[in-house]
C-alpha atoms as a PDB file:
ATOM      1  CA  MET A   1     -14.549 -16.184 -66.668  1.00  0.00           C
ATOM      2  CA  GLU A   2     -12.530 -13.048 -66.179  1.00  0.00           C
ATOM      3  CA  VAL A   3     -15.229 -11.379 -63.990  1.00  0.00           C
ATOM      4  CA  PHE A   4     -15.400 -14.194 -61.411  1.00  0.00           C
ATOM      5  CA  GLU A   5     -11.695 -14.198 -61.275  1.00  0.00           C
ATOM      6  CA  LEU A   6     -11.457 -10.407 -60.695  1.00  0.00           C
ATOM      7  CA  ARG A   7     -14.446 -10.876 -57.669  1.00  0.00           C
ATOM      8  CA  TRP A   8     -12.400 -13.710 -56.022  1.00  0.00           C
ATOM      9  CA  PHE A   9      -9.111 -11.705 -55.941  1.00  0.00           C
ATOM     10  CA  ARG A  10     -10.795  -8.805 -54.670  1.00  0.00           C
ATOM     11  CA  ILE A  11     -12.440 -11.135 -51.878  1.00  0.00           C
ATOM     12  CA  ARG A  12      -9.196 -13.039 -51.199  1.00  0.00           C
ATOM     13  CA  TYR A  13      -7.496  -9.228 -50.960  1.00  0.00           C
ATOM     14  CA  PHE A  14      -9.765  -7.789 -48.548  1.00  0.00           C
ATOM     15  CA  LEU A  15      -9.859 -11.050 -46.293  1.00  0.00           C
ATOM     16  CA  ILE A  16      -6.116 -10.862 -46.189  1.00  0.00           C
ATOM     17  CA  LEU A  17      -6.141  -6.956 -45.311  1.00  0.00           C
ATOM     18  CA  LEU A  18      -8.796  -7.857 -42.826  1.00  0.00           C
ATOM     19  CA  LEU A  19      -6.407 -10.539 -41.073  1.00  0.00           C
ATOM     20  CA  LEU A  20      -3.723  -8.087 -41.257  1.00  0.00           C
ATOM     21  CA  PHE A  21      -5.509  -5.442 -39.664  1.00  0.00           C
ATOM     22  CA  GLN A  22      -6.852  -7.773 -36.939  1.00  0.00           C
ATOM     23  CA  PHE A  23      -3.287  -9.316 -36.173  1.00  0.00           C
ATOM     24  CA  ASP A  24      -1.896  -5.646 -35.759  1.00  0.00           C
ATOM     25  CA  CYS A  25      -4.408  -4.444 -33.726  1.00  0.00           C
ATOM     26  CA  SER A  26      -3.983  -7.656 -31.297  1.00  0.00           C
ATOM     27  CA  LEU A  27      -0.324  -7.392 -31.448  1.00  0.00           C
ATOM     28  CA  SER A  28      -0.113  -3.735 -30.508  1.00  0.00           C
ATOM     29  CA  PHE A  29      -2.941  -4.388 -27.674  1.00  0.00           C
ATOM     30  CA  SER A  30      -0.434  -7.118 -26.347  1.00  0.00           C
ATOM     31  CA  PHE A  31       2.852  -5.143 -26.470  1.00  0.00           C
ATOM     32  CA  ASN A  32       0.939  -2.008 -24.841  1.00  0.00           C
ATOM     33  CA  SER A  33      -0.629  -3.939 -22.315  1.00  0.00           C
ATOM     34  CA  SER A  34       2.854  -5.557 -21.220  1.00  0.00           C
ATOM     35  CA  SER A  35       5.281  -3.208 -21.765  1.00  0.00           C
ATOM     36  CA  THR A  36       3.789  -0.918 -19.050  1.00  0.00           C
ATOM     37  CA  PRO A  37       6.352  -1.424 -16.112  1.00  0.00           C
ATOM     38  CA  PRO A  38       5.086  -1.621 -12.783  1.00  0.00           C
ATOM     39  CA  ARG A  39       5.385   1.482 -10.824  1.00  0.00           C
ATOM     40  CA  HIS A  40       8.106   1.589  -8.368  1.00  0.00           C
ATOM     41  CA  CYS A  41       6.764   1.934  -4.654  1.00  0.00           C
ATOM     42  CA  PRO A  42       8.291   5.036  -2.519  1.00  0.00           C
ATOM     43  CA  PRO A  43      11.623   4.357  -0.707  1.00  0.00           C
ATOM     44  CA  ASP A  44       9.990   4.618   2.574  1.00  0.00           C
ATOM     45  CA  GLU A  45       7.312   2.406   2.026  1.00  0.00           C
ATOM     46  CA  SER A  46       9.850  -0.362   0.783  1.00  0.00           C
ATOM     47  CA  PHE A  47      11.726   0.322   3.899  1.00  0.00           C
ATOM     48  CA  ALA A  48       8.638   0.330   6.420  1.00  0.00           C
ATOM     49  CA  LEU A  49       7.990  -2.964   5.055  1.00  0.00           C
ATOM     50  CA  LEU A  50      11.649  -4.484   5.296  1.00  0.00           C
ATOM     51  CA  GLN A  51      11.545  -3.466   8.906  1.00  0.00           C
ATOM     52  CA  PHE A  52       8.186  -5.233   9.709  1.00  0.00           C
ATOM     53  CA  LYS A  53       9.568  -8.111   7.894  1.00  0.00           C
ATOM     54  CA  ASN A  54      12.859  -8.149  10.213  1.00  0.00           C
ATOM     55  CA  ILE A  55      10.987  -7.978  13.592  1.00  0.00           C
ATOM     56  CA  LEU A  56       9.019 -11.316  12.959  1.00  0.00           C
ATOM     57  CA  SER A  57      10.461 -14.828  11.992  1.00  0.00           C
ATOM     58  CA  VAL A  58       9.252 -17.284   9.710  1.00  0.00           C
ATOM     59  CA  ASP A  59       7.845 -20.631  11.345  1.00  0.00           C
ATOM     60  CA  CYS A  60       5.387 -22.490   9.228  1.00  0.00           C
ATOM     61  CA  SER A  61       5.379 -25.515  12.154  1.00  0.00           C
ATOM     62  CA  SER A  62       3.914 -22.731  14.930  1.00  0.00           C
ATOM     63  CA  CYS A  63       1.051 -21.223  12.337  1.00  0.00           C
ATOM     64  CA  PRO A  64      -2.358 -22.143  12.336  1.00  0.00           C
ATOM     65  CA  ASP A  65      -3.664 -24.107   9.456  1.00  0.00           C
ATOM     66  CA  CYS A  66      -5.260 -21.911   6.487  1.00  0.00           C
ATOM     67  CA  TYR A  67      -8.737 -22.468   5.937  1.00  0.00           C
ATOM     68  CA  TYR A  68     -10.995 -20.658   3.672  1.00  0.00           C
ATOM     69  CA  LEU A  69     -14.604 -20.383   2.701  1.00  0.00           C
ATOM     70  CA  ASP A  70     -15.453 -21.506  -0.697  1.00  0.00           C
ATOM     71  CA  SER A  71     -17.789 -20.260  -2.961  1.00  0.00           C
ATOM     72  CA  ILE A  72     -20.832 -21.785  -1.680  1.00  0.00           C
ATOM     73  CA  GLY A  73     -19.897 -20.982   1.922  1.00  0.00           C
ATOM     74  CA  SER A  74     -18.060 -24.511   2.791  1.00  0.00           C
ATOM     75  CA  ILE A  75     -15.063 -24.299   5.022  1.00  0.00           C
ATOM     76  CA  TYR A  76     -11.872 -26.391   3.665  1.00  0.00           C
ATOM     77  CA  ASN A  77      -8.305 -26.384   4.695  1.00  0.00           C
ATOM     78  CA  SER A  78      -5.998 -25.040   1.872  1.00  0.00           C
ATOM     79  CA  ASN A  79      -2.739 -25.892   3.388  1.00  0.00           C
ATOM     80  CA  MET A  80      -1.127 -23.273   1.412  1.00  0.00           C
ATOM     81  CA  SER A  81       0.819 -21.680   3.992  1.00  0.00           C
ATOM     82  CA  TYR A  82       4.484 -20.557   2.773  1.00  0.00           C
ATOM     83  CA  PRO A  83       6.499 -17.317   3.661  1.00  0.00           C
ATOM     84  CA  LYS A  84       5.456 -14.402   1.584  1.00  0.00           C
ATOM     85  CA  THR A  85       8.172 -12.333   2.866  1.00  0.00           C
ATOM     86  CA  SER A  86      10.900 -14.120   1.229  1.00  0.00           C
ATOM     87  CA  SER A  87      10.526 -12.305  -1.759  1.00  0.00           C
ATOM     88  CA  TRP A  88      11.290  -9.218   0.018  1.00  0.00           C
ATOM     89  CA  LYS A  89      14.638  -7.862  -0.850  1.00  0.00           C
ATOM     90  CA  ALA A  90      16.023  -4.489  -0.276  1.00  0.00           C
ATOM     91  CA  GLY A  91      16.866  -2.454  -3.598  1.00  0.00           C
ATOM     92  CA  THR A  92      13.942  -4.283  -5.598  1.00  0.00           C
ATOM     93  CA  ASN A  93      10.603  -2.887  -6.125  1.00  0.00           C
ATOM     94  CA  CYS A  94       8.127  -3.565  -3.536  1.00  0.00           C
ATOM     95  CA  CYS A  95       5.265  -3.671  -6.003  1.00  0.00           C
ATOM     96  CA  LEU A  96       6.484  -6.781  -7.057  1.00  0.00           C
ATOM     97  CA  TRP A  97       7.011  -8.330  -3.782  1.00  0.00           C
ATOM     98  CA  ASP A  98       4.606 -11.141  -2.998  1.00  0.00           C
ATOM     99  CA  GLY A  99       1.417 -10.033  -0.995  1.00  0.00           C
ATOM    100  CA  VAL A 100       2.175  -6.513  -1.779  1.00  0.00           C
ATOM    101  CA  MET A 101      -0.316  -4.532  -4.065  1.00  0.00           C
ATOM    102  CA  CYS A 102       0.332  -1.034  -5.181  1.00  0.00           C
ATOM    103  CA  ASP A 103      -1.582   1.790  -6.916  1.00  0.00           C
ATOM    104  CA  THR A 104      -0.950   1.779 -10.636  1.00  0.00           C
ATOM    105  CA  GLU A 105      -0.687   5.261 -10.703  1.00  0.00           C
ATOM    106  CA  THR A 106       1.141   6.497  -7.609  1.00  0.00           C
ATOM    107  CA  GLY A 107       3.076   3.309  -6.660  1.00  0.00           C
ATOM    108  CA  TYR A 108       2.024   3.555  -3.067  1.00  0.00           C
ATOM    109  CA  VAL A 109       1.144   0.442  -1.230  1.00  0.00           C
ATOM    110  CA  ILE A 110      -2.514   0.000  -0.809  1.00  0.00           C
ATOM    111  CA  GLY A 111      -2.876  -3.563  -0.405  1.00  0.00           C
ATOM    112  CA  LEU A 112      -0.742  -6.152   1.997  1.00  0.00           C
ATOM    113  CA  ASP A 113      -2.166  -9.716   1.909  1.00  0.00           C
ATOM    114  CA  LEU A 114       0.236 -11.605   4.598  1.00  0.00           C
ATOM    115  CA  SER A 115      -2.253 -14.535   5.371  1.00  0.00           C
ATOM    116  CA  CYS A 116      -0.856 -17.888   5.486  1.00  0.00           C
ATOM    117  CA  SER A 117       2.538 -16.263   5.598  1.00  0.00           C
ATOM    118  CA  CYS A 118       3.986 -18.425   8.747  1.00  0.00           C
ATOM    119  CA  LEU A 119       5.067 -15.309  10.508  1.00  0.00           C
ATOM    120  CA  ARG A 120       5.444 -15.268  14.056  1.00  0.00           C
ATOM    121  CA  GLY A 121       6.596 -12.637  16.404  1.00  0.00           C
ATOM    122  CA  ILE A 122       4.984  -9.689  18.459  1.00  0.00           C
ATOM    123  CA  ILE A 123       3.945  -6.782  16.300  1.00  0.00           C
ATOM    124  CA  PRO A 124       4.926  -3.777  18.415  1.00  0.00           C
ATOM    125  CA  SER A 125       2.443  -0.638  18.919  1.00  0.00           C
ATOM    126  CA  ASN A 126       4.915   1.632  16.661  1.00  0.00           C
ATOM    127  CA  THR A 127       5.007  -1.063  13.652  1.00  0.00           C
ATOM    128  CA  SER A 128       6.367   0.487  10.608  1.00  0.00           C
ATOM    129  CA  LEU A 129       3.397  -0.739   8.774  1.00  0.00           C
ATOM    130  CA  VAL A 130       1.477   2.837  10.002  1.00  0.00           C
ATOM    131  CA  LEU A 131       4.125   4.449   7.825  1.00  0.00           C
ATOM    132  CA  LEU A 132       1.883   2.894   4.822  1.00  0.00           C
ATOM    133  CA  ARG A 133      -0.309   6.290   4.698  1.00  0.00           C
ATOM    134  CA  HIS A 134      -2.108   4.724   1.904  1.00  0.00           C
ATOM    135  CA  LEU A 135      -2.683   1.283   2.780  1.00  0.00           C
ATOM    136  CA  ARG A 136      -6.592  -0.066   2.292  1.00  0.00           C
ATOM    137  CA  LYS A 137      -6.265  -3.457   2.667  1.00  0.00           C
ATOM    138  CA  LEU A 138      -4.523  -5.197   5.680  1.00  0.00           C
ATOM    139  CA  ASN A 139      -4.730  -9.234   5.864  1.00  0.00           C
ATOM    140  CA  LEU A 140      -2.625 -10.855   8.368  1.00  0.00           C
ATOM    141  CA  ALA A 141      -4.978 -13.851   8.899  1.00  0.00           C
ATOM    142  CA  PHE A 142      -3.516 -17.275  10.064  1.00  0.00           C
ATOM    143  CA  ASN A 143      -0.027 -16.194  11.418  1.00  0.00           C
ATOM    144  CA  ASN A 144       0.832 -16.286  14.913  1.00  0.00           C
ATOM    145  CA  PHE A 145       1.414 -13.018  16.457  1.00  0.00           C
ATOM    146  CA  SER A 146       0.666 -14.045  20.123  1.00  0.00           C
ATOM    147  CA  SER A 147       0.791 -11.543  22.733  1.00  0.00           C
ATOM    148  CA  SER A 148       0.620  -8.567  20.245  1.00  0.00           C
ATOM    149  CA  PRO A 149      -1.895  -6.251  21.608  1.00  0.00           C
ATOM    150  CA  ILE A 150      -4.599  -5.620  19.121  1.00  0.00           C
ATOM    151  CA  ALA A 151      -5.957  -2.414  20.052  1.00  0.00           C
ATOM    152  CA  SER A 152      -2.682  -0.178  19.993  1.00  0.00           C
ATOM    153  CA  VAL A 153      -1.609  -1.748  16.656  1.00  0.00           C
ATOM    154  CA  PHE A 154      -4.742  -1.250  14.507  1.00  0.00           C
ATOM    155  CA  GLY A 155      -6.316   1.768  15.643  1.00  0.00           C
ATOM    156  CA  GLN A 156      -3.536   3.815  13.735  1.00  0.00           C
ATOM    157  CA  PHE A 157      -4.534   2.710  10.161  1.00  0.00           C
ATOM    158  CA  THR A 158      -6.788   5.345   9.081  1.00  0.00           C
ATOM    159  CA  THR A 159      -7.139   4.528   5.717  1.00  0.00           C
ATOM    160  CA  LEU A 160      -8.188   0.596   5.746  1.00  0.00           C
ATOM    161  CA  THR A 161     -11.122  -0.227   4.432  1.00  0.00           C
ATOM    162  CA  HIS A 162     -10.543  -4.002   4.914  1.00  0.00           C
ATOM    163  CA  LEU A 163      -8.849  -5.724   7.739  1.00  0.00           C
ATOM    164  CA  ASN A 164      -8.547  -9.299   8.462  1.00  0.00           C
ATOM    165  CA  VAL A 165      -6.791 -10.577  11.405  1.00  0.00           C
ATOM    166  CA  SER A 166      -8.382 -14.021  12.246  1.00  0.00           C
ATOM    167  CA  ASN A 167      -6.672 -16.644  13.616  1.00  0.00           C
ATOM    168  CA  SER A 168      -3.486 -14.887  14.294  1.00  0.00           C
ATOM    169  CA  ASN A 169      -3.497 -15.167  18.212  1.00  0.00           C
ATOM    170  CA  PHE A 170      -3.768 -11.547  18.862  1.00  0.00           C
ATOM    171  CA  SER A 171      -4.394 -10.822  22.591  1.00  0.00           C
ATOM    172  CA  GLY A 172      -6.564  -8.206  24.326  1.00  0.00           C
ATOM    173  CA  ILE A 173     -10.150  -6.835  24.132  1.00  0.00           C
ATOM    174  CA  ILE A 174     -11.082  -4.626  20.731  1.00  0.00           C
ATOM    175  CA  PRO A 175     -12.094  -1.576  22.356  1.00  0.00           C
ATOM    176  CA  SER A 176     -15.031   0.317  20.478  1.00  0.00           C
ATOM    177  CA  ALA A 177     -12.859   3.387  20.408  1.00  0.00           C
ATOM    178  CA  MET A 178     -10.205   1.677  18.337  1.00  0.00           C
ATOM    179  CA  PHE A 179     -13.162   1.418  15.546  1.00  0.00           C
ATOM    180  CA  SER A 180     -13.723   5.049  15.737  1.00  0.00           C
ATOM    181  CA  HIS A 181     -10.349   6.064  14.147  1.00  0.00           C
ATOM    182  CA  LEU A 182     -11.011   3.375  11.299  1.00  0.00           C
ATOM    183  CA  HIS A 183     -13.695   5.551   9.828  1.00  0.00           C
ATOM    184  CA  LYS A 184     -13.112   3.902   6.341  1.00  0.00           C
ATOM    185  CA  LEU A 185     -13.311   0.401   7.382  1.00  0.00           C
ATOM    186  CA  VAL A 186     -16.085  -1.800   5.778  1.00  0.00           C
ATOM    187  CA  SER A 187     -14.952  -5.239   6.406  1.00  0.00           C
ATOM    188  CA  SER A 188     -13.109  -6.593   9.054  1.00  0.00           C
END
C-alpha cells in the first residue's frame, strides 16, 4: 500500500511541477510580448504627417462609398468610412496613430493606410508625405482629392512597393515616366 501511495505522490508532484512550468512559461511570454513598447517615429516624420493632415479637410459626405473585394472576388460595400486622421495629435507617438504603420526596429513610417478616411482637398506636388523617406505602402483609396495632379505627386515616392489611389478623384494622365521613378513598385 505504501508503494502505491509513494508512486501516486510522485506522479502528482510531477504533474504539479509540469503545470507550474507551463504557467510560468506562458506568463513570461505574455509579459515579454506586451511589455515591448512601440517605437516612436522620428519627430520629422510625425511633423510631416501632421502637415499633410492640416492641408486636407474631413468630409464623409463628399467621399465615395468604400467597396472591397472579399476572399472570393465579390465586391461589397463596407460603408466603413471614418476620419482616421482624427487620432493624429501633436506630441503623441505617430506609430500609434490610426492608419500609420512603423518599422518595429527603427520607428520609421513604412505604411500609410488612409483609405476610406473622408479626406477632401488638393494634395500639392510638394506634399509633406515625400518626407517619409522609408514609406513602402500608401493607400489613399476612396477619398476625394479632386483636381490633385496625380503625376507630380506620386512620382516622388521612390521607396513605394504598394500604391492604391483608386476612387480618389485624382486628375490628369498618368505618364509612363512617373513609373520610371517607382522602381520598387509591385502593386498599384
